[in-house]
């Protein structure tokens, strides 16, 4: 039986002292769901796993239900196939960006197609935040930190435009996952 590789991205765990979830506990939950070759990446809720199940929506629902049973609160999950992640990496939406020590590159995973009227690209009035690509499943954005003013709250801008059932990862995290997928 063929197995597919997926990555589950959990929203809002282990941020500050909010919704603390140990990676070992997550791994056990994924084992209970009969997933195979489970690997956690970092401490922010990135789980690689294999399954013969083919429906990401159903997989997502099963994971969310099991997480809520285990922890007593809802944790939103976005599931992507290894093919989708590899395609994102291969297209490298950030290739035209000049990266400096103050540059942060992010990918926000969506649960549904965006209903935004915002154009495909957007730059904030202060030019410290830019959305460079919007697809049906993700949003790629660039944040430029500044030492002489406050940093914009990226998540507030993204949530206002795309809703709260999303999760964001740095491009470095995505590249780390892509590297593990190639191993």
N, C-alpha and C. Protein backbone atom coordinates (compact mmCIF):
# COMPACT_ATOMS: atom_id res chain seq x y z
N UNK A 1 0.85 -1.19 0.00
CA UNK A 1 0.00 0.00 0.00
C UNK A 1 0.89 1.24 0.00
N UNK A 2 0.62 2.18 -0.90
CA UNK A 2 1.40 3.40 -0.98
C UNK A 2 1.11 4.32 0.19
N UNK A 3 2.16 4.91 0.67
CA UNK A 3 2.00 5.90 1.74
C UNK A 3 2.37 7.26 1.21
N UNK A 4 1.63 8.23 1.65
CA UNK A 4 1.90 9.62 1.29
C UNK A 4 2.52 10.32 2.49
N UNK A 5 3.36 11.29 2.20
CA UNK A 5 3.99 12.07 3.26
C UNK A 5 3.26 13.39 3.37
N UNK A 6 2.90 13.73 4.60
CA UNK A 6 2.23 15.00 4.89
C UNK A 6 2.97 15.74 5.99
N UNK A 7 2.71 17.02 6.06
CA UNK A 7 3.20 17.85 7.14
C UNK A 7 2.00 18.53 7.77
N UNK A 8 1.87 18.38 9.08
CA UNK A 8 0.81 19.07 9.82
C UNK A 8 1.45 20.28 10.49
N UNK A 9 0.85 21.44 10.27
CA UNK A 9 1.28 22.68 10.89
C UNK A 9 0.22 23.07 11.91
N UNK A 10 0.59 23.08 13.19
CA UNK A 10 -0.35 23.41 14.26
C UNK A 10 -0.26 24.89 14.57
N UNK A 11 -1.42 25.50 14.79
CA UNK A 11 -1.48 26.94 15.05
C UNK A 11 -1.42 27.23 16.54
N UNK A 12 -0.57 28.17 16.90
CA UNK A 12 -0.62 28.79 18.21
C UNK A 12 -0.16 27.97 19.40
N UNK A 13 0.61 26.93 19.18
CA UNK A 13 1.12 26.19 20.33
C UNK A 13 2.54 26.66 20.66
N UNK A 14 2.89 26.56 21.94
CA UNK A 14 4.23 26.87 22.43
C UNK A 14 4.68 28.28 22.08
N UNK A 15 3.75 29.22 22.09
CA UNK A 15 4.07 30.63 21.87
C UNK A 15 3.98 31.30 23.23
N UNK A 16 5.13 31.76 23.75
CA UNK A 16 5.15 32.28 25.12
C UNK A 16 4.77 31.15 26.07
N UNK A 17 3.87 31.41 26.98
CA UNK A 17 3.37 30.36 27.88
C UNK A 17 1.96 29.93 27.48
N UNK A 18 1.67 30.03 26.22
CA UNK A 18 0.33 29.75 25.70
C UNK A 18 0.28 28.38 25.05
N UNK A 19 -0.68 27.56 25.43
CA UNK A 19 -0.90 26.24 24.83
C UNK A 19 0.41 25.45 24.69
N UNK A 20 1.02 25.15 25.82
CA UNK A 20 2.26 24.40 25.81
C UNK A 20 1.97 22.93 25.48
N UNK A 21 2.62 22.44 24.45
CA UNK A 21 2.44 21.07 24.00
C UNK A 21 3.83 20.48 23.75
N UNK A 22 4.13 19.41 24.42
CA UNK A 22 5.42 18.73 24.23
C UNK A 22 5.40 17.96 22.92
N UNK A 23 6.51 17.98 22.22
CA UNK A 23 6.59 17.29 20.93
C UNK A 23 6.43 15.78 21.11
N UNK A 24 6.91 15.25 22.22
CA UNK A 24 6.74 13.81 22.47
C UNK A 24 5.26 13.44 22.59
N UNK A 25 4.48 14.32 23.24
CA UNK A 25 3.03 14.08 23.36
C UNK A 25 2.36 14.14 21.99
N UNK A 26 2.79 15.07 21.15
CA UNK A 26 2.25 15.16 19.79
C UNK A 26 2.56 13.89 19.01
N UNK A 27 3.77 13.43 19.13
CA UNK A 27 4.17 12.22 18.42
C UNK A 27 3.29 11.04 18.83
N UNK A 28 2.99 10.92 20.12
CA UNK A 28 2.15 9.82 20.60
C UNK A 28 0.73 9.93 20.04
N UNK A 29 0.21 11.13 19.95
CA UNK A 29 -1.13 11.33 19.38
C UNK A 29 -1.15 10.90 17.91
N UNK A 30 -0.11 11.26 17.18
CA UNK A 30 -0.03 10.88 15.77
C UNK A 30 0.12 9.36 15.63
N UNK A 31 0.80 8.74 16.57
CA UNK A 31 0.90 7.27 16.57
C UNK A 31 -0.47 6.65 16.82
N UNK A 32 -1.26 7.24 17.74
CA UNK A 32 -2.61 6.74 18.02
C UNK A 32 -3.49 6.82 16.77
N UNK A 33 -3.21 7.79 15.92
CA UNK A 33 -3.96 7.93 14.67
C UNK A 33 -3.43 6.99 13.58
N UNK A 34 -2.47 6.17 13.97
CA UNK A 34 -1.88 5.16 13.09
C UNK A 34 -1.08 5.74 11.93
N UNK A 35 -0.52 6.92 12.13
CA UNK A 35 0.41 7.48 11.16
C UNK A 35 1.77 6.84 11.38
N UNK A 36 2.61 6.85 10.37
CA UNK A 36 3.93 6.21 10.43
C UNK A 36 5.04 7.22 10.20
N UNK A 37 6.26 6.82 10.58
CA UNK A 37 7.47 7.64 10.36
C UNK A 37 7.25 9.10 10.79
N UNK A 38 6.80 9.28 12.00
CA UNK A 38 6.45 10.60 12.54
C UNK A 38 7.71 11.32 13.01
N UNK A 39 7.85 12.56 12.55
CA UNK A 39 8.98 13.39 12.96
C UNK A 39 8.45 14.77 13.31
N UNK A 40 8.88 15.30 14.44
CA UNK A 40 8.55 16.68 14.78
C UNK A 40 9.73 17.56 14.38
N UNK A 41 9.43 18.77 13.95
CA UNK A 41 10.45 19.71 13.53
C UNK A 41 10.29 20.98 14.35
N UNK A 42 11.33 21.31 15.08
CA UNK A 42 11.32 22.45 16.00
C UNK A 42 10.26 22.23 17.08
N UNK A 43 9.94 23.25 17.82
CA UNK A 43 9.00 23.11 18.94
C UNK A 43 7.71 23.88 18.66
N UNK A 44 7.47 24.21 17.39
CA UNK A 44 6.33 25.08 17.07
C UNK A 44 5.17 24.34 16.41
N UNK A 45 5.18 23.01 16.48
CA UNK A 45 4.05 22.27 15.94
C UNK A 45 4.13 21.97 14.47
N UNK A 46 5.25 21.41 14.04
CA UNK A 46 5.44 20.96 12.66
C UNK A 46 5.69 19.47 12.73
N UNK A 47 4.79 18.68 12.17
CA UNK A 47 4.90 17.23 12.26
C UNK A 47 4.86 16.61 10.88
N UNK A 48 5.89 15.86 10.53
CA UNK A 48 5.93 15.11 9.29
C UNK A 48 5.45 13.71 9.60
N UNK A 49 4.65 13.12 8.70
CA UNK A 49 4.16 11.77 8.93
C UNK A 49 3.76 11.14 7.61
N UNK A 50 3.63 9.82 7.65
CA UNK A 50 3.19 9.08 6.47
C UNK A 50 1.87 8.40 6.78
N UNK A 51 1.05 8.28 5.74
CA UNK A 51 -0.23 7.60 5.87
C UNK A 51 -0.68 7.11 4.50
N UNK A 52 -1.52 6.10 4.49
CA UNK A 52 -2.10 5.63 3.23
C UNK A 52 -3.40 6.37 2.94
N UNK A 53 -3.89 7.15 3.91
CA UNK A 53 -5.11 7.94 3.70
C UNK A 53 -4.81 9.07 2.71
N UNK A 54 -5.78 9.35 1.86
CA UNK A 54 -5.54 10.29 0.77
C UNK A 54 -6.24 11.63 0.91
N UNK A 55 -7.09 11.81 1.88
CA UNK A 55 -7.90 13.02 1.96
C UNK A 55 -7.37 13.96 3.05
N UNK A 56 -6.63 15.01 2.66
CA UNK A 56 -6.07 15.93 3.65
C UNK A 56 -7.12 16.56 4.56
N UNK A 57 -8.31 16.85 4.05
CA UNK A 57 -9.36 17.45 4.88
C UNK A 57 -9.78 16.49 5.99
N UNK A 58 -9.94 15.22 5.65
CA UNK A 58 -10.31 14.23 6.65
C UNK A 58 -9.17 14.00 7.65
N UNK A 59 -7.94 13.97 7.16
CA UNK A 59 -6.78 13.82 8.04
C UNK A 59 -6.73 14.99 9.02
N UNK A 60 -6.93 16.20 8.52
CA UNK A 60 -6.92 17.39 9.36
C UNK A 60 -7.97 17.28 10.45
N UNK A 61 -9.18 16.89 10.08
CA UNK A 61 -10.28 16.76 11.05
C UNK A 61 -9.94 15.74 12.13
N UNK A 62 -9.39 14.60 11.74
CA UNK A 62 -9.01 13.56 12.70
C UNK A 62 -7.95 14.08 13.67
N UNK A 63 -6.95 14.77 13.16
CA UNK A 63 -5.88 15.31 14.01
C UNK A 63 -6.47 16.33 14.99
N UNK A 64 -7.28 17.28 14.48
CA UNK A 64 -7.85 18.31 15.34
C UNK A 64 -8.70 17.70 16.45
N UNK A 65 -9.52 16.70 16.10
CA UNK A 65 -10.37 16.06 17.12
C UNK A 65 -9.53 15.37 18.18
N UNK A 66 -8.50 14.65 17.77
CA UNK A 66 -7.64 13.92 18.72
C UNK A 66 -6.86 14.90 19.60
N UNK A 67 -6.40 16.00 19.03
CA UNK A 67 -5.68 17.01 19.82
C UNK A 67 -6.59 17.63 20.87
N UNK A 68 -7.82 17.94 20.48
CA UNK A 68 -8.76 18.53 21.44
C UNK A 68 -9.09 17.54 22.56
N UNK A 69 -9.26 16.28 22.22
CA UNK A 69 -9.51 15.26 23.25
C UNK A 69 -8.32 15.18 24.22
N UNK A 70 -7.13 15.23 23.69
CA UNK A 70 -5.92 15.06 24.50
C UNK A 70 -5.60 16.28 25.36
N UNK A 71 -5.81 17.49 24.82
CA UNK A 71 -5.36 18.69 25.52
C UNK A 71 -6.49 19.54 26.10
N UNK A 72 -7.73 19.27 25.68
CA UNK A 72 -8.86 19.99 26.24
C UNK A 72 -9.14 21.34 25.61
N UNK A 73 -8.47 21.66 24.54
CA UNK A 73 -8.74 22.91 23.81
C UNK A 73 -8.48 22.67 22.33
N UNK A 74 -9.10 23.51 21.51
CA UNK A 74 -9.00 23.37 20.06
C UNK A 74 -7.65 23.89 19.57
N UNK A 75 -7.03 23.12 18.71
CA UNK A 75 -5.80 23.51 18.03
C UNK A 75 -6.06 23.38 16.54
N UNK A 76 -6.00 24.49 15.83
CA UNK A 76 -6.19 24.44 14.38
C UNK A 76 -4.97 23.81 13.71
N UNK A 77 -5.24 23.03 12.68
CA UNK A 77 -4.19 22.30 11.98
C UNK A 77 -4.34 22.55 10.48
N UNK A 78 -3.24 22.81 9.81
CA UNK A 78 -3.19 22.91 8.37
C UNK A 78 -2.30 21.76 7.90
N UNK A 79 -2.79 20.92 7.00
CA UNK A 79 -2.04 19.77 6.49
C UNK A 79 -1.67 20.03 5.03
N UNK A 80 -0.40 19.80 4.73
CA UNK A 80 0.09 19.93 3.36
C UNK A 80 0.86 18.68 2.98
N UNK A 81 0.78 18.30 1.72
CA UNK A 81 1.56 17.15 1.24
C UNK A 81 3.01 17.56 1.05
N UNK A 82 3.89 16.56 1.06
CA UNK A 82 5.29 16.84 0.77
C UNK A 82 5.44 17.44 -0.62
N UNK A 83 4.57 17.03 -1.55
CA UNK A 83 4.63 17.56 -2.92
C UNK A 83 4.33 19.05 -2.92
N UNK A 84 3.35 19.46 -2.15
CA UNK A 84 2.99 20.89 -2.07
C UNK A 84 4.14 21.70 -1.46
N UNK A 85 4.74 21.19 -0.40
CA UNK A 85 5.86 21.90 0.23
C UNK A 85 7.05 21.96 -0.72
N UNK A 86 7.34 20.86 -1.38
CA UNK A 86 8.47 20.85 -2.31
C UNK A 86 8.23 21.80 -3.48
N UNK A 87 7.00 21.88 -3.95
CA UNK A 87 6.66 22.82 -5.02
C UNK A 87 6.86 24.26 -4.57
N UNK A 88 6.45 24.56 -3.36
CA UNK A 88 6.64 25.90 -2.80
C UNK A 88 8.13 26.25 -2.75
N UNK A 89 8.92 25.31 -2.26
CA UNK A 89 10.37 25.53 -2.16
C UNK A 89 10.98 25.69 -3.56
N UNK A 90 10.57 24.86 -4.48
CA UNK A 90 11.12 24.92 -5.85
C UNK A 90 10.81 26.23 -6.54
N UNK A 91 9.62 26.79 -6.31
CA UNK A 91 9.27 28.06 -6.95
C UNK A 91 9.90 29.25 -6.23
N UNK A 92 10.32 29.06 -5.00
CA UNK A 92 10.98 30.08 -4.18
C UNK A 92 10.37 31.48 -4.39
N UNK A 93 9.25 31.75 -3.76
CA UNK A 93 8.60 33.05 -3.95
C UNK A 93 9.44 34.23 -3.49
N UNK A 94 10.51 33.96 -2.75
CA UNK A 94 11.34 35.04 -2.20
C UNK A 94 12.62 35.29 -3.00
N UNK A 95 12.76 34.67 -4.16
CA UNK A 95 14.02 34.78 -4.90
C UNK A 95 14.37 36.21 -5.30
N UNK A 96 13.39 37.08 -5.44
CA UNK A 96 13.68 38.46 -5.84
C UNK A 96 13.91 39.39 -4.64
N UNK A 97 13.83 38.85 -3.44
CA UNK A 97 13.97 39.66 -2.22
C UNK A 97 15.43 39.73 -1.81
N UNK A 98 15.91 40.93 -1.55
CA UNK A 98 17.25 41.10 -1.00
C UNK A 98 17.14 40.93 0.51
N UNK A 99 17.74 39.88 1.01
CA UNK A 99 17.65 39.56 2.43
C UNK A 99 18.80 40.21 3.17
N UNK A 100 18.45 40.93 4.24
CA UNK A 100 19.42 41.56 5.13
C UNK A 100 19.21 40.96 6.52
N UNK A 101 20.03 41.32 7.50
CA UNK A 101 19.79 40.83 8.87
C UNK A 101 18.44 41.29 9.45
N UNK A 102 17.84 42.31 8.85
CA UNK A 102 16.55 42.81 9.34
C UNK A 102 15.35 42.26 8.56
N UNK A 103 15.60 41.36 7.61
CA UNK A 103 14.55 40.81 6.77
C UNK A 103 14.05 39.49 7.33
N UNK A 104 12.72 39.34 7.38
CA UNK A 104 12.10 38.08 7.80
C UNK A 104 11.14 37.64 6.70
N UNK A 105 11.26 36.39 6.28
CA UNK A 105 10.42 35.83 5.22
C UNK A 105 9.45 34.84 5.84
N UNK A 106 8.15 34.94 5.48
CA UNK A 106 7.14 34.10 6.09
C UNK A 106 6.20 33.49 5.06
N UNK A 107 5.71 32.29 5.41
CA UNK A 107 4.66 31.64 4.65
C UNK A 107 3.50 31.41 5.62
N UNK A 108 2.32 31.89 5.25
CA UNK A 108 1.12 31.66 6.04
C UNK A 108 0.27 30.64 5.32
N UNK A 109 -0.07 29.56 6.02
CA UNK A 109 -0.89 28.50 5.43
C UNK A 109 -2.36 28.79 5.72
N UNK A 110 -3.18 28.72 4.68
CA UNK A 110 -4.60 29.01 4.77
C UNK A 110 -5.41 27.71 4.80
N UNK A 111 -6.59 27.76 5.40
CA UNK A 111 -7.46 26.58 5.37
C UNK A 111 -8.47 26.67 4.25
N UNK A 112 -8.68 27.86 3.73
CA UNK A 112 -9.61 28.01 2.61
C UNK A 112 -9.10 29.10 1.69
N UNK A 113 -9.59 29.10 0.47
CA UNK A 113 -9.17 30.10 -0.50
C UNK A 113 -9.48 31.49 0.03
N UNK A 114 -8.57 32.42 -0.19
CA UNK A 114 -8.79 33.78 0.32
C UNK A 114 -9.94 34.48 -0.37
N UNK A 115 -10.65 35.27 0.41
CA UNK A 115 -11.76 36.07 -0.12
C UNK A 115 -11.38 37.54 -0.16
N UNK A 116 -10.10 37.79 -0.09
CA UNK A 116 -9.61 39.16 0.01
C UNK A 116 -9.78 39.91 -1.31
N UNK A 117 -9.95 41.20 -1.19
CA UNK A 117 -9.97 42.06 -2.36
C UNK A 117 -8.59 42.68 -2.57
N UNK A 118 -7.69 42.33 -1.69
CA UNK A 118 -6.33 42.84 -1.77
C UNK A 118 -5.66 42.32 -3.04
N UNK A 119 -4.85 43.13 -3.68
CA UNK A 119 -4.16 42.66 -4.88
C UNK A 119 -3.16 41.55 -4.53
N UNK A 120 -2.67 40.88 -5.55
CA UNK A 120 -1.74 39.77 -5.35
C UNK A 120 -0.53 40.22 -4.52
N UNK A 121 -0.07 41.42 -4.69
CA UNK A 121 1.00 41.93 -3.84
C UNK A 121 0.49 43.17 -3.11
N UNK A 122 1.09 43.43 -1.96
CA UNK A 122 0.68 44.55 -1.12
C UNK A 122 1.90 45.02 -0.35
N UNK A 123 2.07 46.32 -0.23
CA UNK A 123 3.13 46.89 0.60
C UNK A 123 2.49 47.85 1.57
N UNK A 124 2.86 47.73 2.86
CA UNK A 124 2.31 48.62 3.88
C UNK A 124 2.78 50.05 3.63
N UNK A 125 2.04 51.04 4.15
CA UNK A 125 2.43 52.43 3.94
C UNK A 125 3.86 52.74 4.39
N UNK A 126 4.31 52.08 5.47
CA UNK A 126 5.68 52.30 5.96
C UNK A 126 6.72 51.46 5.24
N UNK A 127 6.27 50.64 4.31
CA UNK A 127 7.14 49.75 3.52
C UNK A 127 7.91 48.75 4.38
N UNK A 128 7.35 48.42 5.56
CA UNK A 128 8.02 47.45 6.43
C UNK A 128 7.37 46.06 6.37
N UNK A 129 6.28 45.96 5.64
CA UNK A 129 5.60 44.69 5.49
C UNK A 129 5.08 44.59 4.07
N UNK A 130 5.33 43.45 3.43
CA UNK A 130 4.90 43.28 2.06
C UNK A 130 4.37 41.86 1.85
N UNK A 131 3.20 41.75 1.25
CA UNK A 131 2.70 40.46 0.80
C UNK A 131 3.12 40.34 -0.66
N UNK A 132 3.90 39.33 -0.95
CA UNK A 132 4.44 39.22 -2.31
C UNK A 132 3.73 38.18 -3.16
N UNK A 133 2.98 37.26 -2.50
CA UNK A 133 2.29 36.24 -3.27
C UNK A 133 1.12 35.71 -2.47
N UNK A 134 -0.03 35.54 -3.14
CA UNK A 134 -1.21 34.94 -2.53
C UNK A 134 -1.68 33.83 -3.46
N UNK A 135 -1.85 32.63 -2.90
CA UNK A 135 -2.41 31.52 -3.68
C UNK A 135 -3.66 31.03 -2.94
N UNK A 136 -4.27 29.97 -3.43
CA UNK A 136 -5.43 29.40 -2.75
C UNK A 136 -5.08 28.78 -1.41
N UNK A 137 -3.81 28.47 -1.20
CA UNK A 137 -3.42 27.74 0.01
C UNK A 137 -2.42 28.45 0.91
N UNK A 138 -1.78 29.50 0.40
CA UNK A 138 -0.79 30.18 1.24
C UNK A 138 -0.55 31.62 0.82
N UNK A 139 0.08 32.33 1.75
CA UNK A 139 0.43 33.74 1.54
C UNK A 139 1.91 33.88 1.89
N UNK A 140 2.68 34.48 1.00
CA UNK A 140 4.10 34.70 1.24
C UNK A 140 4.31 36.18 1.52
N UNK A 141 4.99 36.47 2.62
CA UNK A 141 5.17 37.86 3.02
C UNK A 141 6.58 38.12 3.53
N UNK A 142 6.94 39.39 3.50
CA UNK A 142 8.26 39.84 3.92
C UNK A 142 8.07 40.93 4.97
N UNK A 143 8.79 40.80 6.05
CA UNK A 143 8.77 41.78 7.14
C UNK A 143 10.17 42.36 7.27
N UNK A 144 10.27 43.67 7.34
CA UNK A 144 11.55 44.32 7.55
C UNK A 144 11.54 44.96 8.93
N UNK A 145 12.41 44.48 9.79
CA UNK A 145 12.52 45.00 11.14
C UNK A 145 13.17 46.38 11.10
N UNK A 146 12.88 47.18 12.11
CA UNK A 146 13.45 48.52 12.18
C UNK A 146 13.88 48.79 13.62
N UNK A 147 15.06 49.34 13.77
CA UNK A 147 15.55 49.65 15.11
C UNK A 147 15.03 50.98 15.63
N UNK A 148 14.51 51.83 14.75
CA UNK A 148 14.06 53.16 15.19
C UNK A 148 12.56 53.30 15.31
N UNK A 149 11.81 52.20 15.09
CA UNK A 149 10.37 52.23 15.30
C UNK A 149 9.89 50.83 15.62
N UNK A 150 8.70 50.72 16.10
CA UNK A 150 8.16 49.42 16.45
C UNK A 150 7.97 48.54 15.23
N UNK A 151 8.04 47.26 15.46
CA UNK A 151 7.84 46.29 14.38
C UNK A 151 6.34 46.08 14.18
N UNK A 152 5.88 46.07 12.95
CA UNK A 152 4.44 45.85 12.72
C UNK A 152 4.04 44.45 13.17
N UNK A 153 2.81 44.31 13.61
CA UNK A 153 2.32 43.00 14.03
C UNK A 153 1.81 42.26 12.80
N UNK A 154 2.69 41.48 12.24
CA UNK A 154 2.40 40.72 11.02
C UNK A 154 1.12 39.93 11.15
N UNK A 155 0.95 39.22 12.27
CA UNK A 155 -0.21 38.35 12.42
C UNK A 155 -1.52 39.13 12.43
N UNK A 156 -1.54 40.32 12.99
CA UNK A 156 -2.78 41.11 12.97
C UNK A 156 -3.18 41.48 11.55
N UNK A 157 -2.21 41.85 10.74
CA UNK A 157 -2.49 42.20 9.34
C UNK A 157 -2.99 40.97 8.59
N UNK A 158 -2.29 39.87 8.74
CA UNK A 158 -2.65 38.63 8.03
C UNK A 158 -4.02 38.12 8.50
N UNK A 159 -4.26 38.10 9.82
CA UNK A 159 -5.54 37.61 10.33
C UNK A 159 -6.70 38.49 9.88
N UNK A 160 -6.49 39.79 9.83
CA UNK A 160 -7.56 40.69 9.39
C UNK A 160 -7.95 40.38 7.95
N UNK A 161 -6.99 40.04 7.14
CA UNK A 161 -7.22 39.80 5.72
C UNK A 161 -7.69 38.38 5.42
N UNK A 162 -7.17 37.38 6.18
CA UNK A 162 -7.39 35.99 5.81
C UNK A 162 -8.08 35.15 6.89
N UNK A 163 -8.44 35.77 8.02
CA UNK A 163 -9.12 35.04 9.09
C UNK A 163 -8.13 34.44 10.08
N UNK A 164 -8.68 33.81 11.12
CA UNK A 164 -7.83 33.28 12.19
C UNK A 164 -7.47 31.81 12.03
N UNK A 165 -8.09 31.11 11.12
CA UNK A 165 -7.77 29.69 10.94
C UNK A 165 -6.63 29.58 9.92
N UNK A 166 -5.49 30.07 10.34
CA UNK A 166 -4.27 30.10 9.52
C UNK A 166 -3.10 29.82 10.46
N UNK A 167 -1.95 29.57 9.91
CA UNK A 167 -0.73 29.51 10.71
C UNK A 167 0.44 29.95 9.86
N UNK A 168 1.40 30.57 10.50
CA UNK A 168 2.53 31.16 9.79
C UNK A 168 3.84 30.51 10.23
N UNK A 169 4.72 30.29 9.26
CA UNK A 169 6.04 29.75 9.54
C UNK A 169 7.07 30.60 8.80
N UNK A 170 8.27 30.65 9.38
CA UNK A 170 9.35 31.35 8.69
C UNK A 170 9.81 30.52 7.50
N UNK A 171 10.37 31.18 6.52
CA UNK A 171 10.90 30.49 5.36
C UNK A 171 12.01 29.53 5.78
N UNK A 172 12.78 29.90 6.81
CA UNK A 172 13.83 29.01 7.32
C UNK A 172 13.23 27.69 7.80
N UNK A 173 12.08 27.75 8.47
CA UNK A 173 11.42 26.52 8.93
C UNK A 173 10.97 25.69 7.73
N UNK A 174 10.41 26.33 6.72
CA UNK A 174 9.97 25.61 5.53
C UNK A 174 11.17 24.94 4.85
N UNK A 175 12.28 25.64 4.76
CA UNK A 175 13.48 25.07 4.15
C UNK A 175 14.00 23.90 4.98
N UNK A 176 13.92 23.99 6.28
CA UNK A 176 14.35 22.90 7.16
C UNK A 176 13.48 21.66 6.93
N UNK A 177 12.17 21.88 6.82
CA UNK A 177 11.24 20.76 6.55
C UNK A 177 11.55 20.15 5.18
N UNK A 178 11.79 20.99 4.18
CA UNK A 178 12.10 20.49 2.84
C UNK A 178 13.38 19.64 2.85
N UNK A 179 14.35 20.05 3.62
CA UNK A 179 15.59 19.27 3.73
C UNK A 179 15.32 17.90 4.35
N UNK A 180 14.50 17.85 5.40
CA UNK A 180 14.15 16.57 6.03
C UNK A 180 13.39 15.70 5.05
N UNK A 181 12.52 16.29 4.25
CA UNK A 181 11.74 15.53 3.27
C UNK A 181 12.65 14.85 2.24
N UNK A 182 13.81 15.44 1.97
CA UNK A 182 14.73 14.87 0.98
C UNK A 182 15.59 13.74 1.55
N UNK A 183 15.64 13.65 2.88
CA UNK A 183 16.50 12.64 3.53
C UNK A 183 15.95 11.24 3.32
